[in-house]
Amino acid sequence: QAPDDEVLARNLAYAYFVRGKQRLEDFDLDGASSDYREAIETFDGEPGYSLHLATLQIRRYELLPALKTLRAAVGRPPENADVYLLTGDVLSLYDSLPEAREAYELAIEHGEGAVVENAKRLKARTERQIAVESDYRTETTGSFIIRHPPDTNFLELADVLERARSEVCNELDTFPRNKALVVLYPPD
């Protein structure tokens, strides 16, 4: 009886997944997200469902839910290099560089072909970023988190950024709740 249940669960999950893809094509992001979640809950042995949900969450700037989706997928077999690669990307966006590097290392370990090449490139970029930012300072303004080298006049930049953000937000009649991360790199 158990093998039949698994086949039914796989087929039902796939049906949810296909419907989610169709909804995404119709720009019904909430419906697509719901169907991808149903697919994962119905059959969690397919990491592709989690990848699609996390990708959709990233497109919607829902980074924390995307990270939760990916971390849940990491704990389930089979090991999937794409899950590690996307996890590294989200962690990098969160400025969690050491964890991003670890995720890229796992993508290299479990992947093959283009995924491994991408993971190697991203790991190298992350290591360069860690090295460059090792002595950086972090300053917080009303709208920004600014990471900069110690010899940078960040106050002038912060003032320019605050004015630009204010102008854009007023023009678009939108007022973001989250602070934006700005990282300054030396010209070299």
N, C-alpha and C. Protein backbone atom coordinates (compact mmCIF):
# COMPACT_ATOMS: atom_id res chain seq x y z
N GLN A 1 0.82 -1.19 0.00
CA GLN A 1 0.00 0.00 0.00
C GLN A 1 0.87 1.26 0.00
N ALA A 2 1.98 1.28 0.70
CA ALA A 2 2.84 2.46 0.78
C ALA A 2 3.37 2.90 -0.59
N PRO A 3 3.80 1.97 -1.46
CA PRO A 3 4.27 2.42 -2.77
C PRO A 3 3.17 3.13 -3.57
N ASP A 4 1.93 2.66 -3.48
CA ASP A 4 0.83 3.32 -4.18
C ASP A 4 0.59 4.71 -3.62
N ASP A 5 0.69 4.86 -2.29
CA ASP A 5 0.52 6.18 -1.67
C ASP A 5 1.59 7.15 -2.15
N GLU A 6 2.82 6.65 -2.29
CA GLU A 6 3.90 7.52 -2.75
C GLU A 6 3.67 7.96 -4.19
N VAL A 7 3.21 7.05 -5.03
CA VAL A 7 2.92 7.39 -6.43
C VAL A 7 1.82 8.44 -6.50
N LEU A 8 0.78 8.25 -5.69
CA LEU A 8 -0.31 9.22 -5.66
C LEU A 8 0.19 10.59 -5.17
N ALA A 9 1.00 10.57 -4.13
CA ALA A 9 1.54 11.82 -3.59
C ALA A 9 2.40 12.52 -4.63
N ARG A 10 3.26 11.78 -5.35
CA ARG A 10 4.10 12.37 -6.39
C ARG A 10 3.25 13.00 -7.49
N ASN A 11 2.22 12.27 -7.92
CA ASN A 11 1.38 12.77 -9.00
C ASN A 11 0.58 14.00 -8.58
N LEU A 12 0.05 13.98 -7.37
CA LEU A 12 -0.70 15.13 -6.87
C LEU A 12 0.22 16.34 -6.71
N ALA A 13 1.40 16.11 -6.17
CA ALA A 13 2.37 17.20 -6.00
C ALA A 13 2.74 17.79 -7.36
N TYR A 14 2.95 16.93 -8.34
CA TYR A 14 3.29 17.41 -9.68
C TYR A 14 2.14 18.23 -10.27
N ALA A 15 0.92 17.80 -10.02
CA ALA A 15 -0.25 18.55 -10.51
C ALA A 15 -0.28 19.94 -9.87
N TYR A 16 -0.02 20.03 -8.57
CA TYR A 16 0.06 21.34 -7.91
C TYR A 16 1.17 22.19 -8.53
N PHE A 17 2.30 21.55 -8.78
CA PHE A 17 3.44 22.27 -9.34
C PHE A 17 3.10 22.82 -10.72
N VAL A 18 2.51 22.00 -11.58
CA VAL A 18 2.15 22.44 -12.94
C VAL A 18 1.13 23.58 -12.87
N ARG A 19 0.15 23.45 -11.99
CA ARG A 19 -0.83 24.52 -11.85
C ARG A 19 -0.15 25.80 -11.35
N GLY A 20 0.81 25.65 -10.45
CA GLY A 20 1.57 26.81 -9.97
C GLY A 20 2.32 27.50 -11.10
N LYS A 21 2.94 26.72 -11.98
CA LYS A 21 3.65 27.31 -13.11
C LYS A 21 2.68 28.04 -14.04
N GLN A 22 1.50 27.46 -14.24
CA GLN A 22 0.50 28.12 -15.08
C GLN A 22 0.04 29.43 -14.44
N ARG A 23 -0.17 29.40 -13.14
CA ARG A 23 -0.58 30.62 -12.45
C ARG A 23 0.51 31.69 -12.53
N LEU A 24 1.75 31.26 -12.44
CA LEU A 24 2.86 32.21 -12.55
C LEU A 24 2.87 32.85 -13.93
N GLU A 25 2.62 32.06 -14.97
CA GLU A 25 2.55 32.60 -16.33
C GLU A 25 1.41 33.61 -16.47
N ASP A 26 0.36 33.44 -15.67
CA ASP A 26 -0.78 34.37 -15.69
C ASP A 26 -0.58 35.51 -14.68
N PHE A 27 0.62 35.61 -14.10
CA PHE A 27 0.97 36.65 -13.14
C PHE A 27 0.15 36.58 -11.85
N ASP A 28 -0.34 35.40 -11.52
CA ASP A 28 -1.02 35.17 -10.25
C ASP A 28 0.03 34.64 -9.27
N LEU A 29 0.79 35.57 -8.70
CA LEU A 29 1.92 35.19 -7.86
C LEU A 29 1.47 34.52 -6.57
N ASP A 30 0.39 34.99 -5.98
CA ASP A 30 -0.11 34.37 -4.74
C ASP A 30 -0.57 32.94 -5.01
N GLY A 31 -1.29 32.74 -6.11
CA GLY A 31 -1.76 31.40 -6.46
C GLY A 31 -0.60 30.46 -6.75
N ALA A 32 0.41 30.96 -7.47
CA ALA A 32 1.58 30.14 -7.78
C ALA A 32 2.30 29.75 -6.49
N SER A 33 2.47 30.72 -5.61
CA SER A 33 3.14 30.46 -4.33
C SER A 33 2.38 29.40 -3.53
N SER A 34 1.08 29.53 -3.49
CA SER A 34 0.24 28.57 -2.76
C SER A 34 0.36 27.17 -3.35
N ASP A 35 0.33 27.07 -4.68
CA ASP A 35 0.44 25.76 -5.32
C ASP A 35 1.82 25.14 -5.10
N TYR A 36 2.88 25.95 -5.16
CA TYR A 36 4.22 25.41 -4.90
C TYR A 36 4.31 24.88 -3.47
N ARG A 37 3.70 25.61 -2.53
CA ARG A 37 3.70 25.14 -1.13
C ARG A 37 2.95 23.81 -1.01
N GLU A 38 1.81 23.72 -1.68
CA GLU A 38 1.03 22.47 -1.67
C GLU A 38 1.85 21.32 -2.24
N ALA A 39 2.59 21.59 -3.31
CA ALA A 39 3.43 20.55 -3.92
C ALA A 39 4.48 20.07 -2.93
N ILE A 40 5.11 21.01 -2.22
CA ILE A 40 6.14 20.65 -1.24
C ILE A 40 5.53 19.84 -0.09
N GLU A 41 4.38 20.29 0.40
CA GLU A 41 3.74 19.59 1.52
C GLU A 41 3.24 18.20 1.12
N THR A 42 2.82 18.06 -0.14
CA THR A 42 2.29 16.78 -0.60
C THR A 42 3.40 15.77 -0.84
N PHE A 43 4.53 16.25 -1.43
CA PHE A 43 5.66 15.36 -1.67
C PHE A 43 6.94 16.17 -1.54
N ASP A 44 7.62 16.03 -0.41
CA ASP A 44 8.81 16.85 -0.17
C ASP A 44 10.10 16.22 -0.70
N GLY A 45 9.99 15.15 -1.46
CA GLY A 45 11.18 14.49 -2.01
C GLY A 45 11.65 15.07 -3.33
N GLU A 46 11.04 16.15 -3.77
CA GLU A 46 11.44 16.79 -5.02
C GLU A 46 11.93 18.21 -4.71
N PRO A 47 13.25 18.43 -4.69
CA PRO A 47 13.78 19.74 -4.33
C PRO A 47 13.42 20.84 -5.33
N GLY A 48 13.07 20.47 -6.54
CA GLY A 48 12.70 21.46 -7.55
C GLY A 48 11.50 22.30 -7.13
N TYR A 49 10.58 21.71 -6.38
CA TYR A 49 9.42 22.47 -5.92
C TYR A 49 9.86 23.60 -4.97
N SER A 50 10.79 23.27 -4.09
CA SER A 50 11.31 24.28 -3.16
C SER A 50 12.10 25.35 -3.91
N LEU A 51 12.85 24.94 -4.92
CA LEU A 51 13.60 25.91 -5.72
C LEU A 51 12.67 26.89 -6.41
N HIS A 52 11.60 26.39 -6.99
CA HIS A 52 10.65 27.26 -7.66
C HIS A 52 9.98 28.22 -6.67
N LEU A 53 9.59 27.72 -5.52
CA LEU A 53 8.96 28.58 -4.51
C LEU A 53 9.96 29.64 -4.04
N ALA A 54 11.18 29.25 -3.74
CA ALA A 54 12.19 30.20 -3.27
C ALA A 54 12.50 31.25 -4.34
N THR A 55 12.58 30.83 -5.59
CA THR A 55 12.83 31.77 -6.68
C THR A 55 11.70 32.79 -6.78
N LEU A 56 10.48 32.32 -6.65
CA LEU A 56 9.32 33.22 -6.67
C LEU A 56 9.38 34.19 -5.47
N GLN A 57 9.74 33.68 -4.32
CA GLN A 57 9.84 34.53 -3.13
C GLN A 57 10.92 35.59 -3.31
N ILE A 58 12.01 35.22 -3.93
CA ILE A 58 13.09 36.19 -4.18
C ILE A 58 12.60 37.26 -5.16
N ARG A 59 11.88 36.84 -6.20
CA ARG A 59 11.33 37.81 -7.15
C ARG A 59 10.41 38.81 -6.46
N ARG A 60 9.77 38.38 -5.38
CA ARG A 60 8.86 39.24 -4.64
C ARG A 60 9.57 39.96 -3.49
N TYR A 61 10.89 39.86 -3.44
CA TYR A 61 11.72 40.46 -2.40
C TYR A 61 11.37 39.92 -1.01
N GLU A 62 10.93 38.69 -0.96
CA GLU A 62 10.65 38.02 0.31
C GLU A 62 11.85 37.14 0.65
N LEU A 63 12.94 37.79 1.03
CA LEU A 63 14.19 37.06 1.21
C LEU A 63 14.16 36.12 2.41
N LEU A 64 13.58 36.56 3.52
CA LEU A 64 13.54 35.69 4.70
C LEU A 64 12.69 34.44 4.44
N PRO A 65 11.49 34.57 3.86
CA PRO A 65 10.75 33.34 3.51
C PRO A 65 11.50 32.46 2.52
N ALA A 66 12.20 33.08 1.57
CA ALA A 66 12.98 32.29 0.61
C ALA A 66 14.08 31.51 1.32
N LEU A 67 14.73 32.16 2.25
CA LEU A 67 15.79 31.49 3.01
C LEU A 67 15.22 30.33 3.83
N LYS A 68 14.05 30.54 4.43
CA LYS A 68 13.40 29.46 5.19
C LYS A 68 13.03 28.29 4.28
N THR A 69 12.51 28.60 3.11
CA THR A 69 12.16 27.55 2.14
C THR A 69 13.39 26.75 1.75
N LEU A 70 14.48 27.45 1.47
CA LEU A 70 15.70 26.77 1.04
C LEU A 70 16.32 25.97 2.17
N ARG A 71 16.33 26.53 3.37
CA ARG A 71 16.90 25.79 4.51
C ARG A 71 16.10 24.52 4.81
N ALA A 72 14.80 24.58 4.63
CA ALA A 72 13.99 23.37 4.82
C ALA A 72 14.33 22.35 3.74
N ALA A 73 14.57 22.81 2.52
CA ALA A 73 14.91 21.90 1.43
C ALA A 73 16.28 21.28 1.63
N VAL A 74 17.20 22.02 2.24
CA VAL A 74 18.55 21.50 2.49
C VAL A 74 18.50 20.30 3.41
N GLY A 75 17.58 20.28 4.34
CA GLY A 75 17.49 19.19 5.30
C GLY A 75 16.85 17.92 4.77
N ARG A 76 16.36 17.96 3.53
CA ARG A 76 15.68 16.79 2.96
C ARG A 76 16.52 16.18 1.85
N PRO A 77 16.54 14.87 1.75
CA PRO A 77 17.22 14.25 0.61
C PRO A 77 16.35 14.41 -0.63
N PRO A 78 16.88 14.30 -1.81
CA PRO A 78 18.30 14.16 -2.13
C PRO A 78 19.03 15.49 -2.02
N GLU A 79 20.35 15.41 -1.82
CA GLU A 79 21.16 16.63 -1.79
C GLU A 79 21.04 17.29 -3.16
N ASN A 80 20.83 18.59 -3.18
CA ASN A 80 20.64 19.29 -4.44
C ASN A 80 21.54 20.51 -4.49
N ALA A 81 22.46 20.52 -5.44
CA ALA A 81 23.42 21.61 -5.55
C ALA A 81 22.74 22.93 -5.87
N ASP A 82 21.65 22.90 -6.65
CA ASP A 82 20.94 24.14 -6.97
C ASP A 82 20.36 24.79 -5.72
N VAL A 83 19.90 23.98 -4.78
CA VAL A 83 19.37 24.51 -3.53
C VAL A 83 20.49 25.22 -2.77
N TYR A 84 21.66 24.61 -2.71
CA TYR A 84 22.79 25.24 -2.03
C TYR A 84 23.21 26.53 -2.74
N LEU A 85 23.22 26.51 -4.06
CA LEU A 85 23.62 27.68 -4.83
C LEU A 85 22.67 28.85 -4.56
N LEU A 86 21.38 28.60 -4.61
CA LEU A 86 20.40 29.66 -4.37
C LEU A 86 20.44 30.12 -2.91
N THR A 87 20.69 29.19 -1.99
CA THR A 87 20.84 29.56 -0.58
C THR A 87 22.02 30.51 -0.41
N GLY A 88 23.12 30.22 -1.08
CA GLY A 88 24.28 31.12 -1.03
C GLY A 88 23.94 32.50 -1.56
N ASP A 89 23.17 32.56 -2.64
CA ASP A 89 22.77 33.85 -3.20
C ASP A 89 21.94 34.67 -2.21
N VAL A 90 20.98 34.02 -1.57
CA VAL A 90 20.13 34.72 -0.61
C VAL A 90 20.95 35.18 0.60
N LEU A 91 21.82 34.32 1.09
CA LEU A 91 22.67 34.70 2.22
C LEU A 91 23.59 35.86 1.85
N SER A 92 24.06 35.87 0.63
CA SER A 92 24.90 36.97 0.17
C SER A 92 24.11 38.27 0.15
N LEU A 93 22.86 38.21 -0.31
CA LEU A 93 22.01 39.40 -0.29
C LEU A 93 21.77 39.89 1.14
N TYR A 94 21.75 38.97 2.08
CA TYR A 94 21.58 39.31 3.50
C TYR A 94 22.89 39.76 4.13
N ASP A 95 23.94 39.77 3.35
CA ASP A 95 25.26 40.17 3.83
C ASP A 95 25.80 39.17 4.87
N SER A 96 25.38 37.92 4.76
CA SER A 96 25.89 36.84 5.61
C SER A 96 26.94 36.09 4.80
N LEU A 97 28.06 36.75 4.58
CA LEU A 97 29.06 36.25 3.64
C LEU A 97 29.70 34.92 4.04
N PRO A 98 30.09 34.71 5.30
CA PRO A 98 30.68 33.40 5.64
C PRO A 98 29.70 32.24 5.38
N GLU A 99 28.41 32.45 5.72
CA GLU A 99 27.42 31.40 5.47
C GLU A 99 27.19 31.21 3.98
N ALA A 100 27.23 32.29 3.21
CA ALA A 100 27.08 32.19 1.76
C ALA A 100 28.22 31.36 1.18
N ARG A 101 29.43 31.62 1.66
CA ARG A 101 30.59 30.86 1.18
C ARG A 101 30.41 29.37 1.48
N GLU A 102 29.92 29.05 2.67
CA GLU A 102 29.68 27.63 3.02
C GLU A 102 28.65 27.00 2.09
N ALA A 103 27.59 27.74 1.76
CA ALA A 103 26.56 27.21 0.86
C ALA A 103 27.15 26.95 -0.53
N TYR A 104 27.99 27.87 -1.00
CA TYR A 104 28.64 27.67 -2.31
C TYR A 104 29.57 26.45 -2.28
N GLU A 105 30.25 26.25 -1.15
CA GLU A 105 31.11 25.07 -1.02
C GLU A 105 30.29 23.79 -1.12
N LEU A 106 29.11 23.78 -0.50
CA LEU A 106 28.24 22.60 -0.58
C LEU A 106 27.72 22.40 -2.00
N ALA A 107 27.46 23.50 -2.71
CA ALA A 107 27.03 23.38 -4.12
C ALA A 107 28.13 22.76 -4.95
N ILE A 108 29.38 23.14 -4.67
CA ILE A 108 30.52 22.56 -5.39
C ILE A 108 30.62 21.08 -5.07
N GLU A 109 30.45 20.73 -3.81
CA GLU A 109 30.58 19.35 -3.37
C GLU A 109 29.50 18.44 -3.98
N HIS A 110 28.27 18.95 -4.08
CA HIS A 110 27.15 18.11 -4.52
C HIS A 110 26.75 18.31 -5.98
N GLY A 111 27.37 19.27 -6.63
CA GLY A 111 26.94 19.60 -7.99
C GLY A 111 27.81 18.99 -9.07
N GLU A 112 27.49 19.41 -10.28
CA GLU A 112 28.27 19.01 -11.44
C GLU A 112 28.07 20.05 -12.54
N GLY A 113 29.00 20.06 -13.48
CA GLY A 113 28.88 20.91 -14.66
C GLY A 113 28.78 22.39 -14.34
N ALA A 114 27.81 23.04 -14.97
CA ALA A 114 27.64 24.50 -14.87
C ALA A 114 27.35 24.95 -13.44
N VAL A 115 26.66 24.12 -12.68
CA VAL A 115 26.35 24.49 -11.29
C VAL A 115 27.65 24.61 -10.49
N VAL A 116 28.56 23.68 -10.69
CA VAL A 116 29.84 23.72 -9.98
C VAL A 116 30.64 24.94 -10.41
N GLU A 117 30.66 25.22 -11.72
CA GLU A 117 31.40 26.39 -12.21
C GLU A 117 30.83 27.68 -11.63
N ASN A 118 29.51 27.80 -11.61
CA ASN A 118 28.88 28.98 -11.01
C ASN A 118 29.22 29.08 -9.53
N ALA A 119 29.12 27.96 -8.83
CA ALA A 119 29.41 27.96 -7.40
C ALA A 119 30.86 28.35 -7.12
N LYS A 120 31.79 27.88 -7.94
CA LYS A 120 33.20 28.25 -7.77
C LYS A 120 33.39 29.75 -7.99
N ARG A 121 32.75 30.29 -9.01
CA ARG A 121 32.86 31.71 -9.32
C ARG A 121 32.27 32.55 -8.17
N LEU A 122 31.09 32.13 -7.68
CA LEU A 122 30.44 32.87 -6.61
C LEU A 122 31.19 32.75 -5.29
N LYS A 123 31.77 31.59 -5.05
CA LYS A 123 32.57 31.42 -3.83
C LYS A 123 33.79 32.33 -3.88
N ALA A 124 34.45 32.40 -5.04
CA ALA A 124 35.62 33.27 -5.18
C ALA A 124 35.23 34.73 -4.99
N ARG A 125 34.09 35.14 -5.57
CA ARG A 125 33.63 36.51 -5.39
C ARG A 125 33.35 36.80 -3.92
N THR A 126 32.71 35.85 -3.24
CA THR A 126 32.38 36.02 -1.83
C THR A 126 33.66 36.12 -0.99
N GLU A 127 34.65 35.30 -1.30
CA GLU A 127 35.92 35.37 -0.56
C GLU A 127 36.61 36.71 -0.78
N ARG A 128 36.56 37.23 -2.02
CA ARG A 128 37.13 38.56 -2.28
C ARG A 128 36.37 39.62 -1.48
N GLN A 129 35.06 39.49 -1.45
CA GLN A 129 34.23 40.45 -0.72
C GLN A 129 34.54 40.41 0.77
N ILE A 130 34.70 39.22 1.32
CA ILE A 130 35.05 39.07 2.74
C ILE A 130 36.40 39.73 3.01
N ALA A 131 37.38 39.50 2.13
CA ALA A 131 38.72 40.07 2.32
C ALA A 131 38.68 41.59 2.25
N VAL A 132 37.96 42.14 1.28
CA VAL A 132 37.88 43.59 1.13
C VAL A 132 37.18 44.23 2.31
N GLU A 133 36.14 43.59 2.79
CA GLU A 133 35.32 44.19 3.83
C GLU A 133 35.80 43.88 5.25
N SER A 134 36.92 43.22 5.38
CA SER A 134 37.36 42.78 6.70
C SER A 134 37.56 43.93 7.69
N ASP A 135 37.98 45.09 7.21
CA ASP A 135 38.18 46.23 8.13
C ASP A 135 37.13 47.33 7.91
N TYR A 136 36.06 47.01 7.28
CA TYR A 136 35.01 48.00 7.00
C TYR A 136 34.28 48.39 8.28
N ARG A 137 33.72 49.58 8.23
CA ARG A 137 32.87 50.06 9.30
C ARG A 137 31.43 50.06 8.81
N THR A 138 30.51 49.94 9.73
CA THR A 138 29.09 49.95 9.38
C THR A 138 28.43 51.13 10.09
N GLU A 139 27.76 51.94 9.30
CA GLU A 139 27.04 53.10 9.81
C GLU A 139 25.58 52.97 9.40
N THR A 140 24.68 53.39 10.26
CA THR A 140 23.25 53.29 9.97
C THR A 140 22.64 54.68 9.95
N THR A 141 21.86 54.95 8.90
CA THR A 141 21.11 56.21 8.80
C THR A 141 19.63 55.85 8.86
N GLY A 142 18.77 56.81 8.63
CA GLY A 142 17.34 56.55 8.66
C GLY A 142 16.89 55.56 7.61
N SER A 143 17.56 55.53 6.47
CA SER A 143 17.13 54.68 5.36
C SER A 143 18.17 53.66 4.89
N PHE A 144 19.41 53.80 5.35
CA PHE A 144 20.48 52.98 4.80
C PHE A 144 21.36 52.37 5.89
N ILE A 145 21.94 51.25 5.53
CA ILE A 145 23.04 50.65 6.28
C ILE A 145 24.23 50.77 5.33
N ILE A 146 25.22 51.54 5.70
CA ILE A 146 26.35 51.81 4.81
C ILE A 146 27.60 51.15 5.37
N ARG A 147 28.18 50.26 4.57
CA ARG A 147 29.45 49.62 4.93
C ARG A 147 30.52 50.29 4.10
N HIS A 148 31.58 50.73 4.75
CA HIS A 148 32.58 51.51 4.03
C HIS A 148 33.97 51.33 4.63
N PRO A 149 35.01 51.62 3.79
CA PRO A 149 36.37 51.60 4.34
C PRO A 149 36.53 52.72 5.36
N PRO A 150 37.47 52.57 6.28
CA PRO A 150 37.62 53.56 7.35
C PRO A 150 37.92 54.97 6.85
N ASP A 151 38.56 55.11 5.70
CA ASP A 151 38.98 56.44 5.23
C ASP A 151 37.95 57.11 4.31
N THR A 152 36.73 56.60 4.26
CA THR A 152 35.70 57.15 3.38
C THR A 152 34.85 58.17 4.13
N ASN A 153 34.52 59.25 3.43
CA ASN A 153 33.61 60.24 4.00
C ASN A 153 32.19 59.78 3.74
N PHE A 154 31.69 58.91 4.57
CA PHE A 154 30.38 58.32 4.34
C PHE A 154 29.25 59.30 4.58
N LEU A 155 29.47 60.33 5.41
CA LEU A 155 28.39 61.28 5.71
C LEU A 155 27.92 62.01 4.45
N GLU A 156 28.86 62.39 3.59
CA GLU A 156 28.50 63.06 2.34
C GLU A 156 27.68 62.12 1.46
N LEU A 157 28.12 60.87 1.35
CA LEU A 157 27.39 59.89 0.57
C LEU A 157 26.01 59.64 1.17
N ALA A 158 25.94 59.50 2.47
CA ALA A 158 24.66 59.25 3.14
C ALA A 158 23.67 60.37 2.84
N ASP A 159 24.14 61.60 2.85
CA ASP A 159 23.27 62.73 2.56
C ASP A 159 22.74 62.67 1.12
N VAL A 160 23.61 62.36 0.18
CA VAL A 160 23.19 62.24 -1.23
C VAL A 160 22.19 61.10 -1.39
N LEU A 161 22.48 59.96 -0.77
CA LEU A 161 21.57 58.81 -0.87
C LEU A 161 20.20 59.11 -0.25
N GLU A 162 20.20 59.76 0.90
CA GLU A 162 18.93 60.09 1.56
C GLU A 162 18.09 61.01 0.69
N ARG A 163 18.71 62.04 0.09
CA ARG A 163 17.96 62.95 -0.78
C ARG A 163 17.43 62.22 -2.01
N ALA A 164 18.27 61.39 -2.64
CA ALA A 164 17.84 60.66 -3.84
C ALA A 164 16.69 59.71 -3.51
N ARG A 165 16.80 59.00 -2.41
CA ARG A 165 15.74 58.07 -2.04
C ARG A 165 14.44 58.83 -1.74
N SER A 166 14.55 59.94 -1.08
CA SER A 166 13.38 60.74 -0.77
C SER A 166 12.69 61.22 -2.04
N GLU A 167 13.47 61.70 -3.00
CA GLU A 167 12.90 62.17 -4.26
C GLU A 167 12.21 61.04 -5.02
N VAL A 168 12.87 59.91 -5.11
CA VAL A 168 12.28 58.77 -5.82
C VAL A 168 11.02 58.28 -5.13
N CYS A 169 11.06 58.13 -3.81
CA CYS A 169 9.89 57.66 -3.07
C CYS A 169 8.73 58.63 -3.20
N ASN A 170 9.00 59.93 -3.13
CA ASN A 170 7.94 60.91 -3.29
C ASN A 170 7.34 60.86 -4.68
N GLU A 171 8.20 60.72 -5.68
CA GLU A 171 7.73 60.65 -7.07
C GLU A 171 6.86 59.41 -7.30
N LEU A 172 7.24 58.30 -6.69
CA LEU A 172 6.49 57.05 -6.87
C LEU A 172 5.39 56.87 -5.84
N ASP A 173 5.32 57.78 -4.88
CA ASP A 173 4.33 57.72 -3.81
C ASP A 173 4.40 56.39 -3.06
N THR A 174 5.62 56.01 -2.74
CA THR A 174 5.85 54.78 -1.99
C THR A 174 6.88 55.06 -0.90
N PHE A 175 6.74 54.37 0.19
CA PHE A 175 7.64 54.62 1.31
C PHE A 175 8.07 53.29 1.92
N PRO A 176 9.22 52.77 1.47
CA PRO A 176 9.70 51.46 1.95
C PRO A 176 9.92 51.45 3.45
N ARG A 177 9.64 50.29 4.04
CA ARG A 177 9.83 50.12 5.47
C ARG A 177 11.25 49.66 5.81
N ASN A 178 11.91 49.01 4.86
CA ASN A 178 13.21 48.41 5.15
C ASN A 178 14.35 49.34 4.75
N LYS A 179 15.45 49.19 5.44
CA LYS A 179 16.65 49.95 5.09
C LYS A 179 17.36 49.23 3.96
N ALA A 180 18.03 50.01 3.11
CA ALA A 180 18.81 49.44 2.02
C ALA A 180 20.27 49.34 2.45
N LEU A 181 20.92 48.27 2.05
CA LEU A 181 22.33 48.06 2.35
C LEU A 181 23.16 48.62 1.21
N VAL A 182 24.12 49.48 1.55
CA VAL A 182 25.05 50.05 0.56
C VAL A 182 26.45 49.68 0.99
N VAL A 183 27.20 49.09 0.08
CA VAL A 183 28.56 48.70 0.39
C VAL A 183 29.48 49.45 -0.57
N LEU A 184 30.42 50.20 -0.03
CA LEU A 184 31.37 50.97 -0.84
C LEU A 184 32.65 50.16 -1.03
N TYR A 185 33.09 50.08 -2.27
CA TYR A 185 34.33 49.36 -2.56
C TYR A 185 35.36 50.34 -3.10
N PRO A 186 36.63 50.09 -2.79
CA PRO A 186 37.69 50.94 -3.35
C PRO A 186 37.76 50.72 -4.87
N PRO A 187 38.28 51.70 -5.60
CA PRO A 187 38.32 51.60 -7.07
C PRO A 187 39.09 50.39 -7.60
N ASP A 188 40.07 49.91 -6.85
CA ASP A 188 40.85 48.76 -7.32
C ASP A 188 40.08 47.52 -7.02
